[in-house]
Amino acid sequence: MCPPPSSHPPCALSRRRLLAAAGLSLLPAWAAASPTRPDQARPREALLAELLRDQRSLWAVREIDQRRDELRATYWTAEQGYDRDQYLQLCWLLRDVQADRVFPINHDLLAVLCGVQAWLAREGHVAPMRIYSGYRSLTTNRETEGAALNSRHLLGQAADIGMDGVSNVRLAGIASLLGRGGTGFYPGRRFVHVDTGDERIWISPVK
């Protein structure tokens, strides 16, 4: 998804409300107790750096028709660096399934997705991230209800995600804290939109 920027409510107000609804503080308990406590002058960047300090891994699933694709990929480690094959596997999972097209997925987007999953794992919630949409071709985007004409999905810079056992409001709150782009929360829908565009938050009621 991704409504036009003009329909987004003010970012700061929305962020405060979203974090309050998600029961989140800027510095979670595990970060405050960490021997490598994040720099509080730059909490969001420091939190993500702390979560991804050793590796960038994503455990994700995508259900397409009657098939379930599941992937565990580590595309970067502190010891060995970048793994192109693992990155390409993630690009495949986040492909446009309707057009059967693979596109380079933005590294900042992947970092946020990995960070969200790592955050929840530190809280004891270990589960795969559900991918509902990743890259979209122009044709697929035009056929997607509610999609913006200039959607970040077209550039491999957006994903619609969910996680079993985690409310979408909490998922959106964590993504908002870690991300440097947009977070869209749709009450009543199965997913949360995350992208690396302009920093903004929107909460759209289901009509």
Foldseek 3Di string as FASTA:
>chain_A
DDAPPVPFDDFVVVLVVLCVVLVHDLADPVLVPDPCRFDPVPSQQRLLCVLDVAWQWAWAWEQDDNDIDTDIATQAGPVPGGDVVSQQVVQQRQAAPVVNDGDRADPLQSSLNSSLQSVVVVVVDHWHKYWPHFADDQVRQVVDPNHDNPHCSPVNFKTWIATPPRDQSNSQSSSLSNAQDEWEAEPPDRTIMHGNHHRGYHYDYDD
